[in-house]
Amino acid sequence: MPKIIAHIDLNAFFATAEELRHPELVGKPIAVGGTGRRGVVSTANYVARSFGVSSAMPGYLAKERCPELIFLPVDFDYYEMLSSSFFNYLKRYSPLVEPASIDEGYVDMTKALEGVKDPVLYFRNLQAGLEKEIGLKCSIGVAPNRFLAKMASDMQKPMGLVFLRRRDIEKVLYPMPISAFWGIGRKSAPILSSHGIKTIGDLAKMCKEDDPWTRAFFGKSYETVKAHALGYGSDIVSPIPDDPKSIGRSRTMPYDIVSYDEIAPVIEELALQVSSSLKAARKEGKTLTFHLKDSDFKSHSKSFTSREPFFDADSIYDRAISLFTNNYLGTSIRLLGISISGLTEADTSVVQMNFDDYEIYEKKDATKLLVQEFNRRLDGDYLKLLSEVKDGNKPGHR
């Protein structure tokens, strides 16, 4: 019997997170990312997207397209806090939860849905509960394997819910443009299109025929691409072990990137994520591995072992950017990743100092989120934190 795999993807996560703690920004175009001349958009809310602002877009270009755009810096401590709440929420539904990145993950719902008469209502309740309790919106794809679940979650945003069965792929999946096929980059799509592979259905047809050109184009990845195009793929969801052997993060680009100005901010973002995860696990490690997948689906990795363990974001970024610049050959990039291995328990004194600061930060934001939730329920701006009260509203002023 096929499994039931859900891919759950937070909608415009970083931007939504900022709207949660800055409710005055709701309805305005905002983007999160680097704010300098070389800054790149990490996430834009849907208002900004209506102006043509998109992820990985240079900040100056985003401002040209949307002069009213509000650019906010990345705050990974805050996002990690919300992300942790998100994944803990999903574990109420199934213990088999595998994070794919900070804002998306796979959930094996096979046992959870046993005896459920209305799966649509079940998942709608999951969405509604996530929004009510944490303030985050998500899109959900439900399918018999990970690939189809991922494709389904991308079909309707925001707050989409799509069930994609193998028997429906010819009707639903095959008419989609080849650029929509997960894993095919901005550089690869035009090449495929020029060889007559304009839709996912065209790709499936070529794979069924074991077309020599298609096989050669995808190389080592061909068998995986073929399985996906025909609706097959892995249905295994692997939760992160309690005592991981390594901690890492990766990011698949929405399109192939090649310039240093686009690549460096992504490496910085990954370094922040990995550092945050190390702190949360109270781990440090001496070996850093930098991962890269180019537009031809070839993977490249370089590692460095240090005398001093990696723990903070700055040291992780410095080594990762060094591995990149010393080995980069100018190819278009589809995926970047950083992982730390050789893990040991982190120095208690160092971790305690960082966690004291983090706990204060977390309590502060938790209080702010609670105040915002009360205001949402009261349908007005009735409660404020003392730190947010303007001079004119302080005691003694009327």
Protein backbone atom coordinates (compact mmCIF):
# COMPACT_ATOMS: atom_id res chain seq x y z
CA MET A 1 0.00 0.00 0.00
CA PRO A 2 1.45 3.41 -0.93
CA LYS A 3 2.53 5.77 1.80
CA ILE A 4 1.04 9.20 2.38
CA ILE A 5 3.82 11.80 2.33
CA ALA A 6 3.15 15.48 2.98
CA HIS A 7 5.51 18.27 1.99
CA ILE A 8 4.74 21.31 4.12
CA ASP A 9 6.21 24.62 2.99
CA LEU A 10 5.93 27.86 4.94
CA ASN A 11 4.71 30.74 2.75
CA ALA A 12 7.16 33.67 2.47
CA PHE A 13 8.58 32.60 5.84
CA PHE A 14 11.11 35.32 6.62
CA ALA A 15 8.74 38.06 5.47
CA THR A 16 5.84 36.57 7.45
CA ALA A 17 8.06 36.34 10.52
CA GLU A 18 8.81 40.05 10.24
CA GLU A 19 5.10 40.86 9.83
CA LEU A 20 4.41 38.94 13.04
CA ARG A 21 6.60 41.21 15.12
CA HIS A 22 5.92 44.31 13.00
CA PRO A 23 2.15 44.11 12.36
CA GLU A 24 2.25 47.67 11.04
CA LEU A 25 3.98 46.25 7.95
CA VAL A 26 1.13 43.92 7.01
CA GLY A 27 -0.21 44.91 3.59
CA LYS A 28 2.99 46.73 2.64
CA PRO A 29 5.67 45.39 0.26
CA ILE A 30 8.56 44.02 2.30
CA ALA A 31 11.66 41.99 1.53
CA VAL A 32 14.18 40.34 3.81
CA GLY A 33 17.84 40.05 2.87
CA GLY A 34 21.03 42.05 2.49
CA THR A 35 20.34 45.76 2.67
CA GLY A 36 23.52 47.09 1.03
CA ARG A 37 24.25 47.73 -2.64
CA ARG A 38 25.29 44.11 -2.98
CA GLY A 39 22.34 42.86 -0.97
CA VAL A 40 20.13 40.10 -2.35
CA VAL A 41 16.48 39.39 -1.61
CA SER A 42 16.14 36.26 0.48
CA THR A 43 12.35 36.37 0.76
CA ALA A 44 9.67 38.82 -0.34
CA ASN A 45 6.08 38.92 0.85
CA TYR A 46 3.26 38.48 -1.65
CA VAL A 47 2.62 42.22 -1.89
CA ALA A 48 6.21 42.75 -3.04
CA ARG A 49 5.97 39.79 -5.40
CA SER A 50 3.07 41.46 -7.18
CA PHE A 51 5.60 44.12 -8.27
CA GLY A 52 7.96 41.47 -9.66
CA VAL A 53 10.25 41.20 -6.62
CA SER A 54 11.58 37.66 -6.19
CA SER A 55 14.06 35.59 -4.19
CA ALA A 56 17.75 35.92 -5.14
CA MET A 57 17.06 39.23 -6.88
CA PRO A 58 19.67 41.98 -6.26
CA GLY A 59 18.36 44.50 -3.76
CA TYR A 60 18.86 47.49 -6.05
CA LEU A 61 16.79 45.83 -8.77
CA ALA A 62 14.05 44.98 -6.26
CA LYS A 63 13.91 48.66 -5.27
CA GLU A 64 13.70 49.68 -8.92
CA ARG A 65 10.71 47.41 -9.44
CA CYS A 66 9.07 48.46 -6.20
CA PRO A 67 10.24 51.90 -4.96
CA GLU A 68 8.07 51.55 -1.84
CA LEU A 69 9.76 48.27 -0.88
CA ILE A 70 10.71 48.01 2.78
CA PHE A 71 13.99 46.11 3.09
CA LEU A 72 14.69 44.37 6.40
CA PRO A 73 17.87 42.57 7.52
CA VAL A 74 17.94 38.82 8.14
CA ASP A 75 17.49 37.76 11.80
CA PHE A 76 18.20 34.04 11.94
CA ASP A 77 17.95 33.67 15.71
CA TYR A 78 14.35 34.80 15.49
CA TYR A 79 13.60 32.69 12.41
CA GLU A 80 15.16 29.59 14.00
CA MET A 81 12.91 30.10 17.02
CA LEU A 82 9.80 30.17 14.82
CA SER A 83 11.12 27.29 12.71
CA SER A 84 11.58 25.16 15.82
CA SER A 85 8.00 25.92 16.83
CA PHE A 86 6.85 24.96 13.33
CA PHE A 87 8.53 21.55 13.37
CA ASN A 88 7.41 20.84 16.93
CA TYR A 89 3.87 21.60 15.80
CA LEU A 90 4.17 19.09 12.94
CA LYS A 91 5.34 16.39 15.37
CA ARG A 92 1.92 16.49 17.01
CA TYR A 93 0.60 14.91 13.82
CA SER A 94 3.39 12.41 13.18
CA PRO A 95 6.75 11.55 14.77
CA LEU A 96 8.18 11.10 11.26
CA VAL A 97 9.13 14.69 10.43
CA GLU A 98 12.20 15.49 8.32
CA PRO A 99 13.21 19.14 7.93
CA ALA A 100 14.32 19.94 4.39
CA SER A 101 15.32 23.51 5.27
CA ILE A 102 14.43 26.13 7.85
CA ASP A 103 10.95 26.62 6.35
CA GLU A 104 9.92 23.29 4.83
CA GLY A 105 9.81 19.62 5.66
CA TYR A 106 8.43 16.19 4.85
CA VAL A 107 5.99 14.34 7.10
CA ASP A 108 5.00 10.68 6.81
CA MET A 109 1.26 10.84 7.51
CA THR A 110 0.47 7.20 6.65
CA LYS A 111 -0.42 6.12 10.18
CA ALA A 112 -1.83 9.50 11.20
CA LEU A 113 -4.48 9.30 8.49
CA GLU A 114 -5.63 5.76 9.28
CA GLY A 115 -9.38 5.96 9.85
CA VAL A 116 -9.59 9.64 8.86
CA LYS A 117 -12.75 10.07 6.77
CA ASP A 118 -12.03 13.58 5.49
CA PRO A 119 -8.30 14.10 4.73
CA VAL A 120 -8.98 17.52 3.20
CA LEU A 121 -10.53 18.78 6.44
CA TYR A 122 -7.70 17.15 8.39
CA PHE A 123 -5.01 19.10 6.53
CA ARG A 124 -7.06 22.31 6.51
CA ASN A 125 -7.25 22.03 10.30
CA LEU A 126 -3.48 21.56 10.39
CA GLN A 127 -3.04 24.76 8.36
CA ALA A 128 -5.52 26.72 10.46
CA GLY A 129 -3.95 25.57 13.72
CA LEU A 130 -0.46 26.56 12.58
CA GLU A 131 -1.66 30.03 11.63
CA LYS A 132 -3.66 30.50 14.84
CA GLU A 133 -1.00 29.24 17.25
CA ILE A 134 2.21 30.50 15.64
CA GLY A 135 1.02 32.96 13.00
CA LEU A 136 2.60 31.11 10.07
CA LYS A 137 0.90 30.15 6.81
CA CYS A 138 1.82 27.08 4.81
CA SER A 139 1.12 25.23 1.60
CA ILE A 140 0.78 21.44 1.68
CA GLY A 141 1.35 18.84 -0.99
CA VAL A 142 0.18 15.28 -0.33
CA ALA A 143 1.40 12.39 -2.48
CA PRO A 144 2.74 8.82 -2.36
CA ASN A 145 6.38 9.99 -2.50
CA ARG A 146 8.58 12.96 -1.66
CA PHE A 147 9.03 14.27 -5.20
CA LEU A 148 5.32 14.41 -6.00
CA ALA A 149 4.59 15.92 -2.58
CA LYS A 150 7.15 18.66 -3.23
CA MET A 151 5.71 19.37 -6.68
CA ALA A 152 2.18 19.47 -5.24
CA SER A 153 3.05 21.96 -2.48
CA ASP A 154 4.40 24.38 -5.10
CA MET A 155 1.21 24.32 -7.19
CA GLN A 156 -0.93 26.56 -4.99
CA LYS A 157 0.46 29.37 -2.84
CA PRO A 158 -0.25 30.75 -0.36
CA MET A 159 -2.25 28.36 1.85
CA GLY A 160 -2.58 25.77 -0.89
CA LEU A 161 -3.55 22.14 -0.38
CA VAL A 162 -2.96 19.78 -3.31
CA PHE A 163 -3.31 16.00 -3.40
CA LEU A 164 -1.31 14.48 -6.23
CA ARG A 165 -1.74 10.78 -7.00
CA ARG A 166 0.29 8.90 -9.59
CA ARG A 167 -2.80 8.27 -11.69
CA ASP A 168 -3.32 12.04 -11.95
CA ILE A 169 0.14 13.05 -13.14
CA GLU A 170 -0.68 12.94 -16.85
CA LYS A 171 -3.52 15.41 -16.30
CA VAL A 172 -1.97 17.59 -13.59
CA LEU A 173 1.81 17.35 -13.86
CA TYR A 174 2.60 16.70 -17.52
CA PRO A 175 1.13 19.93 -18.96
CA MET A 176 3.39 22.03 -16.68
CA PRO A 177 6.42 23.78 -18.26
CA ILE A 178 9.72 21.97 -17.90
CA SER A 179 11.02 24.85 -15.76
CA ALA A 180 8.52 23.79 -13.06
CA PHE A 181 10.16 20.37 -12.68
CA TRP A 182 11.85 20.43 -9.28
CA GLY A 183 15.63 20.30 -9.71
CA ILE A 184 15.79 21.75 -13.22
CA GLY A 185 17.46 25.15 -13.15
CA ARG A 186 17.15 28.36 -15.08
CA LYS A 187 20.08 27.41 -17.31
CA SER A 188 18.91 23.86 -18.05
CA ALA A 189 15.29 24.65 -18.91
CA PRO A 190 16.03 26.59 -22.16
CA ILE A 191 18.43 23.86 -23.34
CA LEU A 192 15.81 21.18 -22.77
CA SER A 193 13.18 23.33 -24.46
CA SER A 194 15.41 23.80 -27.52
CA HIS A 195 15.54 20.01 -27.85
CA GLY A 196 11.76 19.67 -27.81
CA ILE A 197 11.36 19.07 -24.08
CA LYS A 198 9.08 22.00 -23.31
CA THR A 199 6.80 20.36 -20.70
CA ILE A 200 7.17 17.77 -17.97
CA GLY A 201 5.12 15.48 -20.19
CA ASP A 202 7.72 15.85 -22.94
CA LEU A 203 10.41 14.85 -20.45
CA ALA A 204 8.40 11.80 -19.35
CA LYS A 205 7.98 10.74 -22.98
CA MET A 206 11.73 11.02 -23.66
CA CYS A 207 12.50 9.08 -20.48
CA LYS A 208 10.06 6.30 -21.39
CA GLU A 209 11.86 5.97 -24.71
CA ASP A 210 15.28 6.21 -23.03
CA ASP A 211 16.19 8.96 -25.47
CA PRO A 212 20.03 9.00 -25.82
CA TRP A 213 20.31 12.80 -25.81
CA THR A 214 18.21 13.10 -22.64
CA ARG A 215 20.23 10.39 -20.92
CA ALA A 216 23.49 12.12 -21.85
CA PHE A 217 22.21 15.52 -20.76
CA PHE A 218 21.34 14.41 -17.23
CA GLY A 219 24.28 12.04 -16.88
CA LYS A 220 24.48 10.37 -13.46
CA SER A 221 21.20 11.96 -12.43
CA TYR A 222 19.27 10.46 -15.33
CA GLU A 223 17.76 7.49 -13.48
CA THR A 224 16.52 9.75 -10.67
CA VAL A 225 15.09 12.26 -13.15
CA LYS A 226 13.41 9.44 -15.06
CA ALA A 227 11.82 8.01 -11.91
CA HIS A 228 10.51 11.44 -10.94
CA ALA A 229 9.18 12.18 -14.42
CA LEU A 230 7.24 8.90 -14.32
CA GLY A 231 5.83 9.68 -10.87
CA TYR A 232 8.12 7.52 -8.75
CA GLY A 233 10.61 8.43 -6.04
CA SER A 234 11.64 7.88 -2.45
CA ASP A 235 8.88 7.68 0.16
CA ILE A 236 11.22 7.51 3.15
CA VAL A 237 11.03 10.29 5.75
CA SER A 238 14.05 10.25 8.08
CA PRO A 239 13.76 12.31 11.27
CA ILE A 240 16.98 13.93 12.47
CA PRO A 241 18.59 11.63 15.09
CA ASP A 242 18.90 12.84 18.68
CA ASP A 243 22.69 12.64 18.46
CA PRO A 244 23.57 13.68 14.89
CA LYS A 245 26.92 12.82 13.31
CA SER A 246 26.91 16.13 11.45
CA ILE A 247 24.88 19.32 11.26
CA GLY A 248 24.37 21.11 7.98
CA ARG A 249 22.11 23.24 5.87
CA SER A 250 21.73 23.60 2.12
CA ARG A 251 19.75 25.80 -0.19
CA THR A 252 18.50 25.04 -3.67
CA MET A 253 18.37 28.17 -5.79
CA PRO A 254 15.14 29.14 -7.57
CA TYR A 255 17.39 29.52 -10.64
CA ASP A 256 21.06 28.99 -11.45
CA ILE A 257 23.37 31.66 -10.06
CA VAL A 258 26.91 32.52 -11.10
CA SER A 259 27.96 35.92 -9.73
CA TYR A 260 29.82 36.37 -6.46
CA ASP A 261 27.31 39.05 -5.40
CA GLU A 262 24.56 36.43 -5.54
CA ILE A 263 26.56 33.57 -4.02
CA ALA A 264 28.21 35.26 -1.01
CA PRO A 265 24.93 36.27 0.73
CA VAL A 266 23.67 32.68 0.43
CA ILE A 267 26.84 31.36 2.05
CA GLU A 268 26.43 33.91 4.84
CA GLU A 269 22.81 32.83 5.31
CA LEU A 270 23.81 29.15 5.50
CA ALA A 271 26.60 29.92 7.99
CA LEU A 272 24.09 31.63 10.25
CA GLN A 273 21.71 28.67 10.01
CA VAL A 274 24.41 26.10 10.75
CA SER A 275 25.73 28.11 13.71
CA SER A 276 22.23 28.46 15.11
CA SER A 277 21.67 24.70 14.78
CA LEU A 278 24.99 23.94 16.48
CA LYS A 279 24.04 26.18 19.40
CA ALA A 280 20.63 24.57 19.68
CA ALA A 281 22.23 21.09 19.79
CA ARG A 282 25.09 22.30 22.02
CA LYS A 283 27.58 20.89 19.55
CA GLU A 284 30.78 22.00 17.83
CA GLY A 285 32.89 20.30 15.18
CA LYS A 286 36.32 20.59 13.64
CA THR A 287 35.53 19.60 10.04
CA LEU A 288 33.65 21.94 7.71
CA THR A 289 32.47 20.70 4.32
CA PHE A 290 31.30 23.05 1.61
CA HIS A 291 28.87 21.52 -0.89
CA LEU A 292 28.03 22.77 -4.38
CA LYS A 293 25.82 21.34 -7.09
CA ASP A 294 26.20 22.88 -10.54
CA SER A 295 23.59 23.32 -13.25
CA ASP A 296 24.61 19.97 -14.79
CA PHE A 297 23.55 18.21 -11.55
CA LYS A 298 27.18 17.41 -10.65
CA SER A 299 28.04 17.62 -6.96
CA HIS A 300 31.31 19.06 -5.67
CA SER A 301 32.53 19.10 -2.06
CA LYS A 302 35.58 20.49 -0.30
CA SER A 303 36.42 19.95 3.36
CA PHE A 304 38.69 21.62 5.89
CA THR A 305 39.62 20.36 9.35
CA SER A 306 40.58 23.02 11.87
CA ARG A 307 42.47 22.81 15.14
CA GLU A 308 39.75 24.87 16.75
CA PRO A 309 36.14 23.68 16.47
CA PHE A 310 33.60 25.56 14.38
CA PHE A 311 30.74 27.04 16.38
CA ASP A 312 30.04 30.69 15.59
CA ALA A 313 28.67 32.01 12.30
CA ASP A 314 31.69 34.21 11.51
CA SER A 315 34.24 31.39 11.58
CA ILE A 316 31.92 29.13 9.56
CA TYR A 317 31.38 31.85 6.95
CA ASP A 318 35.09 32.72 6.70
CA ARG A 319 36.12 29.13 6.04
CA ALA A 320 33.19 28.37 3.71
CA ILE A 321 33.79 31.47 1.58
CA SER A 322 37.49 30.60 1.45
CA LEU A 323 36.76 27.07 0.22
CA PHE A 324 34.43 28.54 -2.36
CA THR A 325 36.72 31.25 -3.73
CA ASN A 326 39.76 28.92 -3.84
CA ASN A 327 37.95 26.19 -5.77
CA TYR A 328 35.21 27.90 -7.78
CA LEU A 329 35.56 27.35 -11.53
CA GLY A 330 32.84 29.75 -12.67
CA THR A 331 30.10 27.21 -13.32
CA SER A 332 26.44 28.04 -12.76
CA ILE A 333 25.28 26.96 -9.32
CA ARG A 334 22.03 25.23 -8.41
CA LEU A 335 22.67 24.32 -4.76
CA LEU A 336 24.97 25.45 -1.97
CA GLY A 337 25.46 23.77 1.37
CA ILE A 338 27.59 23.81 4.53
CA SER A 339 27.96 21.02 7.06
CA ILE A 340 29.98 20.55 10.24
CA SER A 341 31.11 17.06 11.24
CA GLY A 342 33.30 15.47 13.88
CA LEU A 343 30.87 16.80 16.45
CA THR A 344 31.58 16.97 20.16
CA GLU A 345 29.83 18.63 23.08
CA ALA A 346 30.43 22.36 22.94
CA ASP A 347 32.28 24.20 25.70
CA THR A 348 29.64 24.65 28.41
CA SER A 349 30.78 28.14 29.34
CA VAL A 350 30.64 29.35 25.74
CA VAL A 351 27.26 27.77 25.11
CA GLN A 352 25.81 29.04 28.36
CA MET A 353 26.79 32.59 27.53
CA ASN A 354 25.15 32.37 24.12
CA PHE A 355 22.08 30.58 25.40
CA ASP A 356 21.52 33.14 28.15
CA ASP A 357 21.34 35.81 25.48
CA TYR A 358 19.16 33.62 23.28
CA GLU A 359 16.72 32.77 26.09
CA ILE A 360 16.28 36.46 26.86
CA TYR A 361 15.70 37.13 23.17
CA GLU A 362 13.28 34.21 22.89
CA LYS A 363 11.25 35.31 25.93
CA LYS A 364 11.11 38.86 24.58
CA ASP A 365 9.78 37.69 21.21
CA ALA A 366 7.41 35.18 22.82
CA THR A 367 5.90 38.01 24.85
CA LYS A 368 5.60 40.16 21.76
CA LEU A 369 3.91 37.36 19.82
CA LEU A 370 1.49 36.83 22.73
CA VAL A 371 0.58 40.53 22.76
CA GLN A 372 0.01 40.44 19.00
CA GLU A 373 -2.21 37.37 19.33
CA PHE A 374 -4.39 39.16 21.93
CA ASN A 375 -4.68 42.16 19.62
CA ARG A 376 -5.69 39.91 16.72
CA ARG A 377 -8.41 38.33 18.81
CA LEU A 378 -9.62 41.71 20.07
CA ASP A 379 -9.49 43.09 16.51
CA GLY A 380 -7.62 46.19 17.54
CA ASP A 381 -4.31 47.60 18.76
CA TYR A 382 -5.23 47.53 22.44
CA LEU A 383 -2.07 46.11 24.02
CA LYS A 384 1.54 47.23 23.59
CA LEU A 385 4.90 46.39 25.09
CA LEU A 386 6.22 49.20 27.29
CA SER A 387 9.27 49.45 25.01
CA GLU A 388 6.97 50.20 22.07
CA VAL A 389 5.02 53.00 23.73
CA LYS A 390 5.80 56.39 22.23
CA ASP A 391 6.64 59.39 24.39
CA GLY A 392 3.20 60.83 23.91
CA ASN A 393 1.68 57.72 25.46
CA LYS A 394 3.97 57.40 28.46
CA PRO A 395 2.58 58.01 31.95
CA GLY A 396 2.29 61.70 32.56
CA HIS A 397 1.36 62.49 28.95
CA ARG A 398 -2.19 62.89 27.73
